[in-house]
């Protein structure tokens, strides 16, 4: 699965999780929930992993903001059960502009089409 995107409103930003890897490197993880407006199961929780991504997310996003999230889905097995992650890799402010084609009158006047 590649290039998965979803739009919604941020309804919850959870506390940043921090830790140190076995290799001694610091890491950060940020979970946030968006409401997609769907009739069934409208709330979806995503994870951002990495200090730079977490800092950028917290700098530019807040609860109530409309966003578009690009993400990957992953699963892993532990003790015979499967756990799923929705890993966000890019979060945009959702554009509210509707793109509509503009007609140029000079083009339509010179058309030889019967309709």
N, C-alpha and C. Protein backbone atom coordinates (compact mmCIF):
# COMPACT_ATOMS: atom_id res chain seq x y z
N UNK A 1 0.84 -1.17 0.00
CA UNK A 1 0.00 0.00 0.00
C UNK A 1 0.89 1.23 0.00
N UNK A 2 0.70 2.06 -0.97
CA UNK A 2 1.49 3.28 -1.01
C UNK A 2 0.59 4.46 -1.33
N UNK A 3 1.06 5.62 -0.97
CA UNK A 3 0.38 6.87 -1.26
C UNK A 3 -1.04 6.92 -0.69
N UNK A 4 -1.21 6.50 0.56
CA UNK A 4 -2.50 6.57 1.22
C UNK A 4 -2.66 7.97 1.82
N UNK A 5 -3.83 8.58 1.61
CA UNK A 5 -4.10 9.92 2.14
C UNK A 5 -5.51 9.95 2.69
N UNK A 6 -5.70 10.78 3.71
CA UNK A 6 -7.02 10.96 4.30
C UNK A 6 -7.12 12.39 4.83
N UNK A 7 -8.32 12.96 4.75
CA UNK A 7 -8.55 14.31 5.25
C UNK A 7 -9.45 14.25 6.47
N UNK A 8 -9.24 15.19 7.37
CA UNK A 8 -10.08 15.28 8.55
C UNK A 8 -9.65 16.43 9.44
N UNK A 9 -10.34 16.56 10.57
CA UNK A 9 -10.07 17.62 11.53
C UNK A 9 -9.37 17.01 12.74
N UNK A 10 -8.29 17.65 13.18
CA UNK A 10 -7.58 17.17 14.37
C UNK A 10 -8.48 17.36 15.59
N UNK A 11 -8.76 16.26 16.29
CA UNK A 11 -9.61 16.34 17.48
C UNK A 11 -8.84 16.10 18.78
N UNK A 12 -7.65 15.49 18.67
CA UNK A 12 -6.87 15.21 19.86
C UNK A 12 -5.40 15.10 19.49
N UNK A 13 -4.55 15.74 20.27
CA UNK A 13 -3.10 15.58 20.13
C UNK A 13 -2.61 15.01 21.46
N UNK A 14 -2.09 13.80 21.43
CA UNK A 14 -1.66 13.12 22.66
C UNK A 14 -0.26 13.59 23.06
N UNK A 15 0.13 13.22 24.27
CA UNK A 15 1.45 13.60 24.78
C UNK A 15 2.57 12.98 23.94
N UNK A 16 3.66 13.71 23.79
CA UNK A 16 4.83 13.21 23.07
C UNK A 16 5.48 12.11 23.91
N UNK A 17 5.77 10.98 23.27
CA UNK A 17 6.49 9.90 23.94
C UNK A 17 7.96 10.02 23.56
N UNK A 18 8.84 9.88 24.54
CA UNK A 18 10.29 9.98 24.30
C UNK A 18 10.99 8.78 24.90
N UNK A 19 12.14 8.45 24.32
CA UNK A 19 12.91 7.35 24.85
C UNK A 19 14.28 7.28 24.22
N UNK A 20 15.00 6.24 24.58
CA UNK A 20 16.34 6.01 24.06
C UNK A 20 16.38 4.59 23.49
N UNK A 21 16.89 4.45 22.28
CA UNK A 21 16.98 3.14 21.63
C UNK A 21 18.11 2.31 22.26
N UNK A 22 18.17 1.03 21.90
CA UNK A 22 19.24 0.16 22.38
C UNK A 22 20.60 0.68 21.95
N UNK A 23 20.62 1.37 20.80
CA UNK A 23 21.87 1.94 20.27
C UNK A 23 22.23 3.25 20.95
N UNK A 24 21.38 3.73 21.87
CA UNK A 24 21.67 4.95 22.61
C UNK A 24 21.18 6.23 21.94
N UNK A 25 20.36 6.10 20.91
CA UNK A 25 19.84 7.28 20.21
C UNK A 25 18.50 7.69 20.81
N UNK A 26 18.31 9.01 20.96
CA UNK A 26 17.05 9.55 21.47
C UNK A 26 15.98 9.46 20.37
N UNK A 27 14.72 9.19 20.74
CA UNK A 27 13.63 9.15 19.78
C UNK A 27 12.40 9.83 20.38
N UNK A 28 11.50 10.26 19.48
CA UNK A 28 10.23 10.86 19.88
C UNK A 28 9.12 10.29 19.02
N UNK A 29 7.94 10.17 19.61
CA UNK A 29 6.77 9.68 18.91
C UNK A 29 5.58 10.55 19.32
N UNK A 30 4.78 10.97 18.33
CA UNK A 30 3.60 11.80 18.57
C UNK A 30 2.39 11.11 17.99
N UNK A 31 1.36 10.87 18.79
CA UNK A 31 0.10 10.34 18.31
C UNK A 31 -0.92 11.46 18.25
N UNK A 32 -1.76 11.43 17.21
CA UNK A 32 -2.83 12.40 17.09
C UNK A 32 -4.03 11.74 16.44
N UNK A 33 -5.21 12.28 16.72
CA UNK A 33 -6.46 11.70 16.25
C UNK A 33 -7.15 12.71 15.35
N UNK A 34 -7.64 12.24 14.19
CA UNK A 34 -8.44 13.10 13.33
C UNK A 34 -9.84 12.51 13.18
N UNK A 35 -10.79 13.39 12.95
CA UNK A 35 -12.18 13.00 12.68
C UNK A 35 -12.39 13.17 11.18
N UNK A 36 -12.67 12.07 10.50
CA UNK A 36 -12.81 12.10 9.05
C UNK A 36 -14.21 12.52 8.61
N UNK A 37 -15.16 12.53 9.56
CA UNK A 37 -16.53 12.86 9.21
C UNK A 37 -17.31 11.68 8.66
N UNK A 38 -16.71 10.51 8.61
CA UNK A 38 -17.40 9.31 8.12
C UNK A 38 -18.52 8.92 9.07
N UNK A 39 -19.50 8.24 8.54
CA UNK A 39 -20.63 7.82 9.36
C UNK A 39 -20.20 6.76 10.38
N UNK A 40 -19.36 5.82 9.96
CA UNK A 40 -18.91 4.75 10.84
C UNK A 40 -17.43 4.90 11.13
N UNK A 41 -17.06 4.77 12.39
CA UNK A 41 -15.66 4.87 12.83
C UNK A 41 -14.97 6.11 12.28
N UNK A 42 -15.45 7.30 12.61
CA UNK A 42 -14.89 8.51 12.02
C UNK A 42 -13.52 8.91 12.58
N UNK A 43 -13.18 8.48 13.79
CA UNK A 43 -11.91 8.88 14.39
C UNK A 43 -10.81 7.88 14.07
N UNK A 44 -9.66 8.42 13.65
CA UNK A 44 -8.51 7.60 13.27
C UNK A 44 -7.28 8.16 13.98
N UNK A 45 -6.50 7.27 14.62
CA UNK A 45 -5.30 7.68 15.34
C UNK A 45 -4.06 7.37 14.49
N UNK A 46 -3.20 8.38 14.33
CA UNK A 46 -1.96 8.25 13.56
C UNK A 46 -0.76 8.45 14.47
N UNK A 47 0.39 7.94 14.07
CA UNK A 47 1.64 8.13 14.79
C UNK A 47 2.66 8.80 13.89
N UNK A 48 3.38 9.75 14.46
CA UNK A 48 4.53 10.37 13.80
C UNK A 48 5.76 9.93 14.58
N UNK A 49 6.79 9.49 13.88
CA UNK A 49 7.99 9.01 14.56
C UNK A 49 9.19 9.81 14.07
N UNK A 50 9.96 10.33 15.00
CA UNK A 50 11.16 11.09 14.68
C UNK A 50 11.07 12.50 15.23
N UNK A 51 12.16 12.97 15.79
CA UNK A 51 12.19 14.27 16.45
C UNK A 51 11.79 15.41 15.52
N UNK A 52 12.32 15.41 14.30
CA UNK A 52 12.03 16.49 13.36
C UNK A 52 10.55 16.52 12.97
N UNK A 53 9.98 15.35 12.69
CA UNK A 53 8.56 15.28 12.32
C UNK A 53 7.67 15.73 13.48
N UNK A 54 7.99 15.30 14.69
CA UNK A 54 7.19 15.67 15.86
C UNK A 54 7.26 17.18 16.10
N UNK A 55 8.45 17.76 16.02
CA UNK A 55 8.59 19.20 16.24
C UNK A 55 7.85 20.00 15.18
N UNK A 56 7.95 19.60 13.92
CA UNK A 56 7.24 20.31 12.85
C UNK A 56 5.73 20.19 13.02
N UNK A 57 5.25 19.01 13.39
CA UNK A 57 3.82 18.81 13.60
C UNK A 57 3.31 19.74 14.69
N UNK A 58 4.00 19.78 15.82
CA UNK A 58 3.56 20.59 16.95
C UNK A 58 3.69 22.09 16.70
N UNK A 59 4.59 22.47 15.83
CA UNK A 59 4.77 23.88 15.50
C UNK A 59 3.63 24.40 14.63
N UNK A 60 3.13 23.58 13.71
CA UNK A 60 2.19 24.06 12.70
C UNK A 60 0.75 23.54 12.83
N UNK A 61 0.49 22.64 13.75
CA UNK A 61 -0.85 22.04 13.84
C UNK A 61 -1.43 22.20 15.23
N UNK A 62 -2.78 22.28 15.28
CA UNK A 62 -3.47 22.40 16.55
C UNK A 62 -4.83 21.72 16.44
N UNK A 63 -5.46 21.48 17.58
CA UNK A 63 -6.78 20.86 17.61
C UNK A 63 -7.77 21.76 16.88
N UNK A 64 -8.62 21.14 16.07
CA UNK A 64 -9.63 21.88 15.31
C UNK A 64 -9.22 22.20 13.89
N UNK A 65 -7.97 21.99 13.57
CA UNK A 65 -7.46 22.31 12.23
C UNK A 65 -7.76 21.18 11.24
N UNK A 66 -8.16 21.55 10.03
CA UNK A 66 -8.39 20.59 8.95
C UNK A 66 -7.03 20.23 8.34
N UNK A 67 -6.77 18.93 8.20
CA UNK A 67 -5.49 18.47 7.67
C UNK A 67 -5.70 17.34 6.66
N UNK A 68 -4.67 17.12 5.87
CA UNK A 68 -4.58 15.95 5.00
C UNK A 68 -3.34 15.18 5.44
N UNK A 69 -3.52 13.89 5.74
CA UNK A 69 -2.43 13.07 6.26
C UNK A 69 -2.03 12.04 5.22
N UNK A 70 -0.74 11.98 4.89
CA UNK A 70 -0.18 10.91 4.06
C UNK A 70 0.42 9.89 5.03
N UNK A 71 0.10 8.61 4.82
CA UNK A 71 0.51 7.62 5.80
C UNK A 71 0.76 6.25 5.18
N UNK A 72 1.39 5.39 5.96
CA UNK A 72 1.62 3.99 5.62
C UNK A 72 0.93 3.13 6.66
N UNK A 73 0.49 1.95 6.26
CA UNK A 73 -0.10 0.99 7.17
C UNK A 73 0.90 -0.15 7.36
N UNK A 74 1.13 -0.53 8.62
CA UNK A 74 2.02 -1.65 8.88
C UNK A 74 1.41 -2.54 9.96
N UNK A 75 1.79 -3.80 9.96
CA UNK A 75 1.30 -4.77 10.94
C UNK A 75 2.48 -5.57 11.46
N UNK A 76 2.37 -6.00 12.70
CA UNK A 76 3.40 -6.87 13.26
C UNK A 76 2.73 -7.88 14.18
N UNK A 77 3.36 -9.03 14.30
CA UNK A 77 2.82 -10.11 15.13
C UNK A 77 3.56 -10.13 16.46
N UNK A 78 2.83 -10.34 17.55
CA UNK A 78 3.42 -10.51 18.87
C UNK A 78 2.57 -11.52 19.64
N UNK A 79 3.17 -12.62 20.01
CA UNK A 79 2.48 -13.69 20.76
C UNK A 79 1.20 -14.15 20.09
N UNK A 80 1.24 -14.31 18.78
CA UNK A 80 0.10 -14.83 18.04
C UNK A 80 -0.99 -13.83 17.72
N UNK A 81 -0.79 -12.58 18.10
CA UNK A 81 -1.75 -11.52 17.78
C UNK A 81 -1.09 -10.51 16.87
N UNK A 82 -1.90 -9.87 16.03
CA UNK A 82 -1.38 -8.86 15.11
C UNK A 82 -1.78 -7.47 15.57
N UNK A 83 -0.84 -6.56 15.48
CA UNK A 83 -1.05 -5.17 15.85
C UNK A 83 -0.77 -4.30 14.64
N UNK A 84 -1.58 -3.28 14.46
CA UNK A 84 -1.49 -2.44 13.27
C UNK A 84 -1.11 -1.01 13.65
N UNK A 85 -0.35 -0.38 12.78
CA UNK A 85 0.06 1.01 12.96
C UNK A 85 -0.32 1.82 11.73
N UNK A 86 -0.74 3.05 11.94
CA UNK A 86 -0.93 4.02 10.87
C UNK A 86 0.16 5.07 11.07
N UNK A 87 1.22 4.95 10.28
CA UNK A 87 2.39 5.81 10.43
C UNK A 87 2.31 6.99 9.48
N UNK A 88 2.04 8.17 10.04
CA UNK A 88 1.98 9.38 9.23
C UNK A 88 3.39 9.79 8.85
N UNK A 89 3.57 10.20 7.62
CA UNK A 89 4.88 10.69 7.20
C UNK A 89 4.80 12.12 6.68
N UNK A 90 3.59 12.63 6.47
CA UNK A 90 3.42 14.02 6.06
C UNK A 90 2.04 14.48 6.48
N UNK A 91 1.97 15.68 7.06
CA UNK A 91 0.69 16.25 7.48
C UNK A 91 0.62 17.66 6.89
N UNK A 92 -0.41 17.89 6.05
CA UNK A 92 -0.61 19.19 5.41
C UNK A 92 -1.84 19.86 6.00
N UNK A 93 -1.87 21.18 5.96
CA UNK A 93 -3.12 21.88 6.21
C UNK A 93 -3.99 21.62 4.99
N UNK A 94 -5.24 21.22 5.21
CA UNK A 94 -6.14 20.93 4.09
C UNK A 94 -6.51 22.24 3.42
N UNK A 95 -6.42 22.26 2.10
CA UNK A 95 -6.78 23.48 1.38
C UNK A 95 -8.29 23.55 1.26
N UNK A 96 -8.81 24.73 1.48
CA UNK A 96 -10.26 24.92 1.41
C UNK A 96 -10.68 25.45 0.05
N UNK A 97 -9.70 25.74 -0.80
CA UNK A 97 -10.02 26.28 -2.12
C UNK A 97 -10.52 25.16 -3.02
N UNK A 98 -11.55 25.43 -3.73
CA UNK A 98 -12.06 24.48 -4.73
C UNK A 98 -11.52 24.92 -6.08
N UNK A 99 -10.84 24.03 -6.74
CA UNK A 99 -10.27 24.36 -8.05
C UNK A 99 -11.33 24.12 -9.10
N UNK A 100 -11.64 25.17 -9.86
CA UNK A 100 -12.61 25.03 -10.94
C UNK A 100 -11.98 25.55 -12.22
N UNK A 101 -12.19 24.87 -13.30
CA UNK A 101 -11.60 25.32 -14.56
C UNK A 101 -12.26 26.62 -15.01
N UNK A 102 -11.43 27.52 -15.48
CA UNK A 102 -11.96 28.78 -16.00
C UNK A 102 -12.05 28.69 -17.51
N UNK A 103 -13.14 29.14 -18.04
CA UNK A 103 -13.31 29.13 -19.49
C UNK A 103 -12.81 30.45 -20.05
N UNK A 104 -12.06 30.34 -21.08
CA UNK A 104 -11.59 31.53 -21.77
C UNK A 104 -12.53 31.73 -22.96
N UNK A 105 -13.28 32.82 -22.97
CA UNK A 105 -14.29 33.06 -24.00
C UNK A 105 -13.71 33.05 -25.41
N UNK A 106 -12.48 33.49 -25.57
CA UNK A 106 -11.90 33.52 -26.92
C UNK A 106 -11.71 32.12 -27.47
N UNK A 107 -11.45 31.13 -26.58
CA UNK A 107 -11.29 29.75 -27.03
C UNK A 107 -12.62 29.15 -27.47
N UNK A 108 -13.71 29.45 -26.77
CA UNK A 108 -14.99 28.84 -27.10
C UNK A 108 -15.61 29.46 -28.35
N UNK A 109 -15.29 30.69 -28.69
CA UNK A 109 -15.83 31.33 -29.86
C UNK A 109 -15.26 30.75 -31.15
N UNK A 110 -14.02 30.27 -31.09
CA UNK A 110 -13.36 29.77 -32.29
C UNK A 110 -13.51 28.26 -32.46
N UNK A 111 -14.25 27.60 -31.60
CA UNK A 111 -14.47 26.18 -31.71
C UNK A 111 -15.37 25.86 -32.91
N UNK A 112 -15.03 24.82 -33.65
CA UNK A 112 -15.85 24.37 -34.76
C UNK A 112 -16.81 23.25 -34.34
N UNK A 113 -16.83 22.95 -33.03
CA UNK A 113 -17.68 21.86 -32.56
C UNK A 113 -19.15 22.30 -32.58
N UNK A 114 -20.07 21.38 -32.91
CA UNK A 114 -21.48 21.72 -33.00
C UNK A 114 -22.17 21.88 -31.64
N UNK A 115 -21.51 21.63 -30.54
CA UNK A 115 -22.16 21.74 -29.23
C UNK A 115 -21.41 22.66 -28.31
